Amino acid sequence: MSNIDSKIKSYYLSRKLTDEQLDIIKNTKIKSDRSHRSSNLSEILKYAAIFVLLVGTIYSIFLFPMYQKNALLNDYATEIAYNHRKNLPIEIISSDIEQIGAKMEKLNFTLEFPDSLQENYNLVGSRYCSVDNRIAAQLKLLGQNEQVATLFIFKKNKDLEFEIKTIVKNDVKVMLWESDDLIFALAK
């Protein structure tokens, strides 16, 4: 060891910290640990807030509109099942969809009888009704096994799009689908 090194060593060995100085050093370490923990908590809270905002945004953009659409279709199915169960008499007796359409002049759309139903159902007649406060055609159908079914046709909201959906309400099976600007709902 060089002379300078031994002098530095002896100098520092002769020095001692007072109790007060030791307390200051200890408190400084504790405070820095606490501030470090506090900054970790701040980071966690920051990321948690970002996560909550992200989930909220995803919900409002994707899930809420889907929920609203399902709620609307559910409302349609409830009203359609109710109208089907009332089994009100038909006002226009005819098996010709064009003839029925000509007589139902209050409708704001052209009636059409879906090809997919023509194999299994015969058209008996129709009456006016409403679905979601919209004028609708309520067509009475007779199935091959004499089962009565009701086909509801009404205009759809322009921005409503959905796949074929079957909903059971009050023991009535309601199948909903869309075509162009119309909603069809078969209740049985």
N, C-alpha and C. Protein backbone atom coordinates (compact mmCIF):
# COMPACT_ATOMS: atom_id res chain seq x y z
N MET A 1 0.85 -1.17 0.00
CA MET A 1 0.00 0.00 0.00
C MET A 1 0.89 1.23 0.00
N SER A 2 0.49 2.21 -0.78
CA SER A 2 1.30 3.43 -0.86
C SER A 2 1.05 4.28 0.36
N ASN A 3 1.89 5.23 0.52
CA ASN A 3 1.83 6.15 1.67
C ASN A 3 0.51 6.93 1.65
N ILE A 4 0.08 7.38 0.51
CA ILE A 4 -1.17 8.16 0.41
C ILE A 4 -2.35 7.27 0.79
N ASP A 5 -2.34 6.02 0.30
CA ASP A 5 -3.43 5.10 0.62
C ASP A 5 -3.52 4.85 2.11
N SER A 6 -2.40 4.67 2.77
CA SER A 6 -2.42 4.42 4.22
C SER A 6 -2.88 5.64 4.99
N LYS A 7 -2.52 6.85 4.51
CA LYS A 7 -2.98 8.08 5.18
C LYS A 7 -4.50 8.25 5.02
N ILE A 8 -5.00 7.94 3.85
CA ILE A 8 -6.46 8.05 3.63
C ILE A 8 -7.18 7.05 4.51
N LYS A 9 -6.66 5.83 4.59
CA LYS A 9 -7.27 4.80 5.41
C LYS A 9 -7.27 5.20 6.86
N SER A 10 -6.18 5.68 7.37
CA SER A 10 -6.09 6.06 8.78
C SER A 10 -6.99 7.26 9.07
N TYR A 11 -7.10 8.17 8.11
CA TYR A 11 -7.97 9.34 8.30
C TYR A 11 -9.42 8.88 8.48
N TYR A 12 -9.89 8.04 7.57
CA TYR A 12 -11.30 7.62 7.64
C TYR A 12 -11.56 6.68 8.81
N LEU A 13 -10.60 5.90 9.21
CA LEU A 13 -10.77 5.03 10.38
C LEU A 13 -10.90 5.85 11.66
N SER A 14 -10.29 7.00 11.68
CA SER A 14 -10.36 7.86 12.87
C SER A 14 -11.67 8.63 12.94
N ARG A 15 -12.41 8.66 11.89
CA ARG A 15 -13.69 9.39 11.85
C ARG A 15 -14.83 8.46 12.27
N LYS A 16 -15.80 9.04 12.93
CA LYS A 16 -17.01 8.32 13.33
C LYS A 16 -18.21 9.20 13.09
N LEU A 17 -19.34 8.56 12.72
CA LEU A 17 -20.59 9.29 12.57
C LEU A 17 -21.28 9.38 13.92
N THR A 18 -21.88 10.52 14.14
CA THR A 18 -22.63 10.69 15.38
C THR A 18 -23.95 9.94 15.24
N ASP A 19 -24.61 9.70 16.35
CA ASP A 19 -25.91 9.02 16.33
C ASP A 19 -26.93 9.82 15.49
N GLU A 20 -26.81 11.13 15.61
CA GLU A 20 -27.72 11.99 14.84
C GLU A 20 -27.51 11.80 13.35
N GLN A 21 -26.25 11.72 12.90
CA GLN A 21 -25.95 11.52 11.49
C GLN A 21 -26.44 10.14 11.01
N LEU A 22 -26.27 9.13 11.88
CA LEU A 22 -26.75 7.79 11.54
C LEU A 22 -28.27 7.77 11.38
N ASP A 23 -28.98 8.48 12.26
CA ASP A 23 -30.45 8.56 12.16
C ASP A 23 -30.88 9.22 10.86
N ILE A 24 -30.17 10.28 10.47
CA ILE A 24 -30.50 10.97 9.22
C ILE A 24 -30.35 10.03 8.03
N ILE A 25 -29.26 9.25 8.02
CA ILE A 25 -29.01 8.31 6.92
C ILE A 25 -30.09 7.22 6.89
N LYS A 26 -30.44 6.70 8.08
CA LYS A 26 -31.48 5.67 8.14
C LYS A 26 -32.83 6.20 7.66
N ASN A 27 -33.20 7.40 8.10
CA ASN A 27 -34.48 7.99 7.70
C ASN A 27 -34.52 8.28 6.20
N THR A 28 -33.40 8.68 5.66
CA THR A 28 -33.33 8.94 4.23
C THR A 28 -33.59 7.66 3.46
N LYS A 29 -33.04 6.54 3.89
CA LYS A 29 -33.25 5.26 3.23
C LYS A 29 -34.71 4.85 3.31
N ILE A 30 -35.33 5.00 4.48
CA ILE A 30 -36.73 4.64 4.65
C ILE A 30 -37.62 5.50 3.76
N LYS A 31 -37.33 6.79 3.73
CA LYS A 31 -38.12 7.69 2.90
C LYS A 31 -37.98 7.32 1.41
N SER A 32 -36.78 6.98 0.99
CA SER A 32 -36.60 6.65 -0.42
C SER A 32 -37.31 5.34 -0.74
N ASP A 33 -37.35 4.38 0.22
CA ASP A 33 -38.09 3.14 0.01
C ASP A 33 -39.58 3.44 -0.13
N ARG A 34 -40.08 4.32 0.74
CA ARG A 34 -41.50 4.68 0.69
C ARG A 34 -41.83 5.41 -0.61
N SER A 35 -40.97 6.30 -1.02
CA SER A 35 -41.25 7.03 -2.26
C SER A 35 -41.16 6.07 -3.45
N HIS A 36 -40.27 5.08 -3.36
CA HIS A 36 -40.19 4.08 -4.41
C HIS A 36 -41.49 3.27 -4.46
N ARG A 37 -42.00 2.86 -3.26
CA ARG A 37 -43.26 2.14 -3.21
C ARG A 37 -44.39 3.01 -3.72
N SER A 38 -44.36 4.26 -3.36
CA SER A 38 -45.40 5.20 -3.79
C SER A 38 -45.38 5.36 -5.31
N SER A 39 -44.17 5.42 -5.89
CA SER A 39 -44.11 5.55 -7.35
C SER A 39 -44.58 4.26 -8.01
N ASN A 40 -44.33 3.08 -7.40
CA ASN A 40 -44.85 1.81 -7.94
C ASN A 40 -46.38 1.82 -7.92
N LEU A 41 -46.95 2.29 -6.81
CA LEU A 41 -48.40 2.37 -6.71
C LEU A 41 -48.95 3.33 -7.75
N SER A 42 -48.29 4.43 -7.95
CA SER A 42 -48.72 5.39 -8.97
C SER A 42 -48.71 4.75 -10.36
N GLU A 43 -47.67 3.98 -10.65
CA GLU A 43 -47.58 3.29 -11.93
C GLU A 43 -48.72 2.29 -12.09
N ILE A 44 -48.99 1.53 -11.03
CA ILE A 44 -50.07 0.54 -11.08
C ILE A 44 -51.40 1.23 -11.30
N LEU A 45 -51.65 2.31 -10.58
CA LEU A 45 -52.90 3.04 -10.73
C LEU A 45 -53.03 3.63 -12.14
N LYS A 46 -51.93 4.11 -12.66
CA LYS A 46 -51.94 4.67 -14.01
C LYS A 46 -52.33 3.60 -15.02
N TYR A 47 -51.72 2.41 -14.92
CA TYR A 47 -52.03 1.34 -15.86
C TYR A 47 -53.44 0.80 -15.64
N ALA A 48 -53.90 0.78 -14.40
CA ALA A 48 -55.27 0.34 -14.13
C ALA A 48 -56.26 1.30 -14.77
N ALA A 49 -56.00 2.59 -14.67
CA ALA A 49 -56.89 3.59 -15.27
C ALA A 49 -56.90 3.44 -16.80
N ILE A 50 -55.75 3.20 -17.39
CA ILE A 50 -55.67 3.00 -18.84
C ILE A 50 -56.46 1.75 -19.24
N PHE A 51 -56.32 0.68 -18.44
CA PHE A 51 -57.03 -0.56 -18.71
C PHE A 51 -58.54 -0.34 -18.64
N VAL A 52 -59.01 0.36 -17.61
CA VAL A 52 -60.45 0.63 -17.46
C VAL A 52 -60.96 1.45 -18.64
N LEU A 53 -60.20 2.46 -19.05
CA LEU A 53 -60.60 3.27 -20.21
C LEU A 53 -60.65 2.43 -21.49
N LEU A 54 -59.68 1.56 -21.64
CA LEU A 54 -59.64 0.70 -22.82
C LEU A 54 -60.84 -0.25 -22.85
N VAL A 55 -61.13 -0.88 -21.72
CA VAL A 55 -62.28 -1.79 -21.65
C VAL A 55 -63.58 -1.01 -21.90
N GLY A 56 -63.70 0.18 -21.32
CA GLY A 56 -64.88 1.01 -21.54
C GLY A 56 -65.05 1.39 -23.00
N THR A 57 -63.96 1.71 -23.64
CA THR A 57 -64.01 2.08 -25.05
C THR A 57 -64.44 0.88 -25.91
N ILE A 58 -63.85 -0.27 -25.65
CA ILE A 58 -64.22 -1.48 -26.40
C ILE A 58 -65.69 -1.79 -26.19
N TYR A 59 -66.16 -1.68 -24.95
CA TYR A 59 -67.57 -1.94 -24.65
C TYR A 59 -68.47 -0.99 -25.41
N SER A 60 -68.13 0.30 -25.37
CA SER A 60 -69.02 1.28 -26.00
C SER A 60 -68.98 1.19 -27.52
N ILE A 61 -67.88 0.76 -28.09
CA ILE A 61 -67.78 0.67 -29.55
C ILE A 61 -68.35 -0.63 -30.09
N PHE A 62 -68.07 -1.75 -29.40
CA PHE A 62 -68.44 -3.04 -29.96
C PHE A 62 -69.58 -3.72 -29.22
N LEU A 63 -69.49 -3.81 -27.92
CA LEU A 63 -70.44 -4.62 -27.18
C LEU A 63 -71.77 -3.93 -26.93
N PHE A 64 -71.77 -2.64 -26.62
CA PHE A 64 -73.02 -1.95 -26.32
C PHE A 64 -73.95 -1.92 -27.53
N PRO A 65 -73.45 -1.59 -28.74
CA PRO A 65 -74.36 -1.65 -29.89
C PRO A 65 -74.93 -3.06 -30.12
N MET A 66 -74.12 -4.09 -29.88
CA MET A 66 -74.60 -5.46 -30.02
C MET A 66 -75.69 -5.73 -28.97
N TYR A 67 -75.46 -5.24 -27.76
CA TYR A 67 -76.45 -5.40 -26.70
C TYR A 67 -77.75 -4.68 -27.08
N GLN A 68 -77.63 -3.46 -27.60
CA GLN A 68 -78.81 -2.70 -28.00
C GLN A 68 -79.57 -3.41 -29.12
N LYS A 69 -78.84 -3.96 -30.08
CA LYS A 69 -79.49 -4.67 -31.19
C LYS A 69 -80.22 -5.90 -30.66
N ASN A 70 -79.58 -6.66 -29.77
CA ASN A 70 -80.23 -7.84 -29.20
C ASN A 70 -81.44 -7.45 -28.37
N ALA A 71 -81.35 -6.35 -27.64
CA ALA A 71 -82.49 -5.88 -26.85
C ALA A 71 -83.64 -5.49 -27.77
N LEU A 72 -83.33 -4.83 -28.89
CA LEU A 72 -84.37 -4.42 -29.83
C LEU A 72 -85.04 -5.65 -30.45
N LEU A 73 -84.25 -6.62 -30.87
CA LEU A 73 -84.82 -7.84 -31.45
C LEU A 73 -85.66 -8.59 -30.41
N ASN A 74 -85.22 -8.57 -29.17
CA ASN A 74 -85.98 -9.17 -28.08
C ASN A 74 -87.32 -8.47 -27.90
N ASP A 75 -87.29 -7.14 -27.98
CA ASP A 75 -88.54 -6.37 -27.87
C ASP A 75 -89.48 -6.71 -29.03
N TYR A 76 -88.92 -6.79 -30.23
CA TYR A 76 -89.74 -7.18 -31.39
C TYR A 76 -90.38 -8.55 -31.13
N ALA A 77 -89.57 -9.51 -30.69
CA ALA A 77 -90.06 -10.87 -30.47
C ALA A 77 -91.16 -10.90 -29.41
N THR A 78 -91.02 -10.10 -28.37
CA THR A 78 -92.03 -10.04 -27.31
C THR A 78 -93.36 -9.54 -27.87
N GLU A 79 -93.30 -8.46 -28.64
CA GLU A 79 -94.52 -7.88 -29.22
C GLU A 79 -95.13 -8.81 -30.26
N ILE A 80 -94.30 -9.45 -31.05
CA ILE A 80 -94.78 -10.37 -32.09
C ILE A 80 -95.44 -11.59 -31.45
N ALA A 81 -94.82 -12.13 -30.41
CA ALA A 81 -95.41 -13.28 -29.72
C ALA A 81 -96.77 -12.90 -29.11
N TYR A 82 -96.85 -11.71 -28.56
CA TYR A 82 -98.11 -11.23 -27.99
C TYR A 82 -99.19 -11.14 -29.08
N ASN A 83 -98.86 -10.51 -30.21
CA ASN A 83 -99.82 -10.38 -31.31
C ASN A 83 -100.22 -11.75 -31.87
N HIS A 84 -99.27 -12.65 -31.95
CA HIS A 84 -99.56 -14.00 -32.46
C HIS A 84 -100.53 -14.72 -31.53
N ARG A 85 -100.31 -14.62 -30.25
CA ARG A 85 -101.16 -15.32 -29.26
C ARG A 85 -102.57 -14.73 -29.20
N LYS A 86 -102.72 -13.46 -29.53
CA LYS A 86 -104.06 -12.85 -29.52
C LYS A 86 -104.96 -13.51 -30.57
N ASN A 87 -104.35 -14.01 -31.64
CA ASN A 87 -105.06 -14.71 -32.70
C ASN A 87 -106.28 -13.93 -33.19
N LEU A 88 -106.06 -12.65 -33.49
CA LEU A 88 -107.14 -11.81 -33.98
C LEU A 88 -107.56 -12.26 -35.38
N PRO A 89 -108.83 -12.06 -35.74
CA PRO A 89 -109.30 -12.52 -37.05
C PRO A 89 -108.65 -11.71 -38.18
N ILE A 90 -108.51 -12.37 -39.31
CA ILE A 90 -107.94 -11.69 -40.47
C ILE A 90 -108.98 -10.74 -41.07
N GLU A 91 -108.50 -9.67 -41.67
CA GLU A 91 -109.38 -8.67 -42.27
C GLU A 91 -109.49 -8.86 -43.78
N ILE A 92 -108.42 -9.41 -44.37
CA ILE A 92 -108.40 -9.65 -45.81
C ILE A 92 -108.20 -11.15 -46.02
N ILE A 93 -109.18 -11.79 -46.62
CA ILE A 93 -109.09 -13.23 -46.86
C ILE A 93 -108.62 -13.44 -48.29
N SER A 94 -107.43 -13.99 -48.41
CA SER A 94 -106.88 -14.27 -49.73
C SER A 94 -105.60 -15.08 -49.58
N SER A 95 -105.34 -15.89 -50.58
CA SER A 95 -104.07 -16.65 -50.59
C SER A 95 -103.09 -16.05 -51.59
N ASP A 96 -103.45 -14.91 -52.16
CA ASP A 96 -102.62 -14.24 -53.17
C ASP A 96 -101.95 -13.02 -52.53
N ILE A 97 -100.64 -13.06 -52.41
CA ILE A 97 -99.89 -11.98 -51.75
C ILE A 97 -100.06 -10.65 -52.48
N GLU A 98 -100.14 -10.68 -53.80
CA GLU A 98 -100.32 -9.43 -54.57
C GLU A 98 -101.69 -8.81 -54.30
N GLN A 99 -102.70 -9.63 -54.23
CA GLN A 99 -104.04 -9.14 -53.94
C GLN A 99 -104.09 -8.54 -52.52
N ILE A 100 -103.47 -9.21 -51.58
CA ILE A 100 -103.42 -8.70 -50.20
C ILE A 100 -102.66 -7.38 -50.18
N GLY A 101 -101.53 -7.34 -50.87
CA GLY A 101 -100.73 -6.11 -50.93
C GLY A 101 -101.51 -4.94 -51.50
N ALA A 102 -102.31 -5.20 -52.53
CA ALA A 102 -103.11 -4.13 -53.15
C ALA A 102 -104.18 -3.61 -52.20
N LYS A 103 -104.72 -4.48 -51.36
CA LYS A 103 -105.76 -4.07 -50.42
C LYS A 103 -105.18 -3.42 -49.16
N MET A 104 -103.92 -3.68 -48.87
CA MET A 104 -103.30 -3.09 -47.68
C MET A 104 -102.54 -1.83 -48.10
N GLU A 105 -103.27 -0.83 -48.52
CA GLU A 105 -102.68 0.38 -49.08
C GLU A 105 -102.02 1.28 -48.05
N LYS A 106 -102.27 1.06 -46.76
CA LYS A 106 -101.63 1.89 -45.73
C LYS A 106 -100.16 1.52 -45.52
N LEU A 107 -99.77 0.37 -46.01
CA LEU A 107 -98.38 -0.06 -45.82
C LEU A 107 -97.44 0.84 -46.61
N ASN A 108 -96.28 1.11 -46.03
CA ASN A 108 -95.28 1.94 -46.70
C ASN A 108 -94.19 1.08 -47.35
N PHE A 109 -94.57 -0.11 -47.75
CA PHE A 109 -93.65 -1.03 -48.43
C PHE A 109 -94.48 -2.02 -49.24
N THR A 110 -93.81 -2.72 -50.14
CA THR A 110 -94.48 -3.72 -50.96
C THR A 110 -94.41 -5.07 -50.26
N LEU A 111 -95.55 -5.71 -50.13
CA LEU A 111 -95.59 -7.03 -49.48
C LEU A 111 -94.92 -8.08 -50.36
N GLU A 112 -94.24 -8.99 -49.72
CA GLU A 112 -93.69 -10.14 -50.44
C GLU A 112 -93.76 -11.35 -49.52
N PHE A 113 -94.04 -12.48 -50.12
CA PHE A 113 -94.12 -13.73 -49.36
C PHE A 113 -92.81 -14.49 -49.61
N PRO A 114 -91.98 -14.67 -48.59
CA PRO A 114 -90.65 -15.29 -48.79
C PRO A 114 -90.73 -16.68 -49.43
N ASP A 115 -89.87 -16.89 -50.39
CA ASP A 115 -89.82 -18.19 -51.08
C ASP A 115 -89.59 -19.33 -50.09
N SER A 116 -88.79 -19.07 -49.06
CA SER A 116 -88.43 -20.11 -48.10
C SER A 116 -89.65 -20.63 -47.33
N LEU A 117 -90.72 -19.87 -47.29
CA LEU A 117 -91.92 -20.29 -46.55
C LEU A 117 -92.97 -20.95 -47.44
N GLN A 118 -92.87 -20.74 -48.75
CA GLN A 118 -93.92 -21.21 -49.66
C GLN A 118 -94.06 -22.73 -49.69
N GLU A 119 -92.99 -23.45 -49.40
CA GLU A 119 -93.06 -24.92 -49.40
C GLU A 119 -93.87 -25.45 -48.23
N ASN A 120 -93.74 -24.81 -47.08
CA ASN A 120 -94.32 -25.34 -45.84
C ASN A 120 -95.59 -24.66 -45.37
N TYR A 121 -95.91 -23.50 -45.95
CA TYR A 121 -97.06 -22.74 -45.46
C TYR A 121 -97.93 -22.25 -46.62
N ASN A 122 -99.22 -22.20 -46.34
CA ASN A 122 -100.18 -21.59 -47.27
C ASN A 122 -100.67 -20.29 -46.65
N LEU A 123 -100.76 -19.28 -47.48
CA LEU A 123 -101.25 -17.98 -47.04
C LEU A 123 -102.77 -18.03 -46.96
N VAL A 124 -103.32 -17.58 -45.81
CA VAL A 124 -104.76 -17.61 -45.59
C VAL A 124 -105.36 -16.21 -45.69
N GLY A 125 -104.63 -15.20 -45.19
CA GLY A 125 -105.13 -13.84 -45.21
C GLY A 125 -104.24 -12.94 -44.37
N SER A 126 -104.74 -11.72 -44.14
CA SER A 126 -103.89 -10.77 -43.41
C SER A 126 -104.72 -9.73 -42.67
N ARG A 127 -104.01 -8.95 -41.89
CA ARG A 127 -104.58 -7.82 -41.18
C ARG A 127 -103.44 -6.84 -40.90
N TYR A 128 -103.80 -5.62 -40.58
CA TYR A 128 -102.80 -4.65 -40.14
C TYR A 128 -102.48 -4.90 -38.67
N CYS A 129 -101.27 -4.58 -38.30
CA CYS A 129 -100.90 -4.54 -36.89
C CYS A 129 -99.72 -3.57 -36.78
N SER A 130 -99.16 -3.47 -35.60
CA SER A 130 -97.97 -2.63 -35.46
C SER A 130 -96.93 -3.39 -34.66
N VAL A 131 -95.70 -3.12 -34.99
CA VAL A 131 -94.56 -3.66 -34.26
C VAL A 131 -93.64 -2.49 -33.99
N ASP A 132 -93.37 -2.24 -32.74
CA ASP A 132 -92.52 -1.11 -32.34
C ASP A 132 -93.09 0.20 -32.90
N ASN A 133 -94.39 0.35 -32.79
CA ASN A 133 -95.11 1.54 -33.27
C ASN A 133 -94.95 1.79 -34.77
N ARG A 134 -94.66 0.74 -35.52
CA ARG A 134 -94.59 0.84 -36.98
C ARG A 134 -95.69 0.00 -37.58
N ILE A 135 -96.25 0.50 -38.64
CA ILE A 135 -97.29 -0.27 -39.30
C ILE A 135 -96.67 -1.55 -39.86
N ALA A 136 -97.41 -2.64 -39.70
CA ALA A 136 -96.90 -3.94 -40.15
C ALA A 136 -98.04 -4.75 -40.75
N ALA A 137 -97.67 -5.70 -41.57
CA ALA A 137 -98.63 -6.66 -42.10
C ALA A 137 -98.52 -7.92 -41.26
N GLN A 138 -99.67 -8.42 -40.86
CA GLN A 138 -99.72 -9.66 -40.08
C GLN A 138 -100.41 -10.69 -40.95
N LEU A 139 -99.61 -11.60 -41.53
CA LEU A 139 -100.14 -12.60 -42.46
C LEU A 139 -100.39 -13.90 -41.71
N LYS A 140 -101.59 -14.42 -41.85
CA LYS A 140 -101.91 -15.70 -41.21
C LYS A 140 -101.56 -16.81 -42.19
N LEU A 141 -100.83 -17.80 -41.69
CA LEU A 141 -100.37 -18.92 -42.51
C LEU A 141 -100.87 -20.22 -41.90
N LEU A 142 -101.04 -21.20 -42.76
CA LEU A 142 -101.44 -22.52 -42.31
C LEU A 142 -100.37 -23.50 -42.75
N GLY A 143 -99.79 -24.21 -41.78
CA GLY A 143 -98.73 -25.16 -42.08
C GLY A 143 -99.27 -26.46 -42.61
N GLN A 144 -98.39 -27.34 -43.05
CA GLN A 144 -98.79 -28.62 -43.63
C GLN A 144 -99.54 -29.49 -42.63
N ASN A 145 -99.24 -29.33 -41.36
CA ASN A 145 -99.93 -30.13 -40.34
C ASN A 145 -101.05 -29.33 -39.67
N GLU A 146 -101.60 -28.35 -40.40
CA GLU A 146 -102.69 -27.49 -39.94
C GLU A 146 -102.28 -26.58 -38.77
N GLN A 147 -101.00 -26.45 -38.57
CA GLN A 147 -100.51 -25.54 -37.53
C GLN A 147 -100.59 -24.10 -38.04
N VAL A 148 -101.18 -23.23 -37.20
CA VAL A 148 -101.29 -21.82 -37.58
C VAL A 148 -99.98 -21.11 -37.23
N ALA A 149 -99.49 -20.35 -38.16
CA ALA A 149 -98.30 -19.52 -37.95
C ALA A 149 -98.64 -18.11 -38.41
N THR A 150 -97.88 -17.16 -37.92
CA THR A 150 -98.12 -15.77 -38.31
C THR A 150 -96.82 -15.18 -38.81
N LEU A 151 -96.90 -14.55 -39.95
CA LEU A 151 -95.74 -13.86 -40.52
C LEU A 151 -95.97 -12.37 -40.40
N PHE A 152 -95.06 -11.69 -39.73
CA PHE A 152 -95.12 -10.24 -39.57
C PHE A 152 -94.08 -9.63 -40.50
N ILE A 153 -94.47 -8.58 -41.20
CA ILE A 153 -93.55 -7.88 -42.10
C ILE A 153 -93.66 -6.40 -41.80
N PHE A 154 -92.50 -5.77 -41.57
CA PHE A 154 -92.49 -4.32 -41.31
C PHE A 154 -91.15 -3.75 -41.73
N LYS A 155 -91.14 -2.43 -41.91
CA LYS A 155 -89.89 -1.74 -42.34
C LYS A 155 -88.89 -1.76 -41.21
N LYS A 156 -87.62 -1.89 -41.56
CA LYS A 156 -86.57 -1.90 -40.54
C LYS A 156 -85.88 -0.55 -40.46
N ASN A 157 -85.19 -0.34 -39.34
CA ASN A 157 -84.31 0.83 -39.22
C ASN A 157 -83.22 0.67 -40.26
N LYS A 158 -82.80 1.77 -40.85
CA LYS A 158 -81.79 1.69 -41.90
C LYS A 158 -80.47 1.10 -41.42
N ASP A 159 -80.09 1.37 -40.18
CA ASP A 159 -78.78 0.92 -39.69
C ASP A 159 -78.84 -0.41 -38.93
N LEU A 160 -79.99 -1.06 -38.91
CA LEU A 160 -80.12 -2.33 -38.20
C LEU A 160 -79.81 -3.47 -39.16
N GLU A 161 -78.80 -4.24 -38.82
CA GLU A 161 -78.45 -5.42 -39.60
C GLU A 161 -78.24 -6.57 -38.63
N PHE A 162 -78.75 -7.75 -38.98
CA PHE A 162 -78.59 -8.89 -38.10
C PHE A 162 -78.75 -10.18 -38.90
N GLU A 163 -78.25 -11.23 -38.33
CA GLU A 163 -78.41 -12.56 -38.93
C GLU A 163 -79.76 -13.12 -38.48
N ILE A 164 -80.17 -14.23 -39.06
CA ILE A 164 -81.41 -14.88 -38.64
C ILE A 164 -81.30 -15.18 -37.15
N LYS A 165 -82.35 -14.83 -36.44
CA LYS A 165 -82.34 -15.01 -34.99
C LYS A 165 -83.65 -15.64 -34.57
N THR A 166 -83.58 -16.65 -33.71
CA THR A 166 -84.77 -17.29 -33.17
C THR A 166 -84.84 -17.01 -31.68
N ILE A 167 -85.99 -16.51 -31.25
CA ILE A 167 -86.19 -16.14 -29.85
C ILE A 167 -87.52 -16.77 -29.42
N VAL A 168 -87.54 -17.37 -28.25
CA VAL A 168 -88.77 -17.95 -27.71
C VAL A 168 -89.30 -17.02 -26.63
N LYS A 169 -90.56 -16.60 -26.81
CA LYS A 169 -91.24 -15.71 -25.85
C LYS A 169 -92.60 -16.29 -25.54
N ASN A 170 -92.87 -16.51 -24.27
CA ASN A 170 -94.19 -17.03 -23.84
C ASN A 170 -94.61 -18.25 -24.66
N ASP A 171 -93.71 -19.18 -24.81
CA ASP A 171 -93.95 -20.43 -25.55
C ASP A 171 -94.20 -20.22 -27.04
N VAL A 172 -93.90 -19.06 -27.55
CA VAL A 172 -94.03 -18.79 -28.98
C VAL A 172 -92.62 -18.66 -29.55
N LYS A 173 -92.35 -19.44 -30.57
CA LYS A 173 -91.04 -19.40 -31.24
C LYS A 173 -91.11 -18.33 -32.33
N VAL A 174 -90.25 -17.33 -32.23
CA VAL A 174 -90.24 -16.23 -33.19
C VAL A 174 -88.90 -16.25 -33.92
N MET A 175 -88.97 -16.42 -35.23
CA MET A 175 -87.76 -16.39 -36.05
C MET A 175 -87.75 -15.07 -36.81
N LEU A 176 -86.69 -14.28 -36.61
CA LEU A 176 -86.57 -12.96 -37.24
C LEU A 176 -85.45 -12.99 -38.27
N TRP A 177 -85.68 -12.33 -39.39
CA TRP A 177 -84.63 -12.14 -40.39
C TRP A 177 -84.94 -10.86 -41.16
N GLU A 178 -83.94 -10.41 -41.87
CA GLU A 178 -84.10 -9.18 -42.66
C GLU A 178 -83.85 -9.47 -44.12
N SER A 179 -84.49 -8.66 -44.94
CA SER A 179 -84.26 -8.74 -46.38
C SER A 179 -84.49 -7.35 -46.93
N ASP A 180 -83.47 -6.82 -47.56
CA ASP A 180 -83.50 -5.45 -48.08
C ASP A 180 -83.88 -4.48 -46.96
N ASP A 181 -85.02 -3.82 -47.07
CA ASP A 181 -85.38 -2.84 -46.04
C ASP A 181 -86.54 -3.33 -45.16
N LEU A 182 -86.76 -4.65 -45.15
CA LEU A 182 -87.87 -5.22 -44.38
C LEU A 182 -87.36 -6.20 -43.32
N ILE A 183 -88.14 -6.31 -42.27
CA ILE A 183 -87.91 -7.34 -41.25
C ILE A 183 -89.07 -8.32 -41.36
N PHE A 184 -88.74 -9.59 -41.38
CA PHE A 184 -89.73 -10.66 -41.38
C PHE A 184 -89.63 -11.37 -40.05
N ALA A 185 -90.78 -11.74 -39.50
CA ALA A 185 -90.79 -12.48 -38.24
C ALA A 185 -91.88 -13.54 -38.33
N LEU A 186 -91.45 -14.78 -38.24
CA LEU A 186 -92.39 -15.90 -38.28
C LEU A 186 -92.62 -16.38 -36.86
N ALA A 187 -93.88 -16.35 -36.43
CA ALA A 187 -94.24 -16.79 -35.08
C ALA A 187 -95.07 -18.07 -35.18
N LYS A 188 -94.72 -19.02 -34.33
CA LYS A 188 -95.51 -20.28 -34.30
C LYS A 188 -95.42 -20.90 -32.92
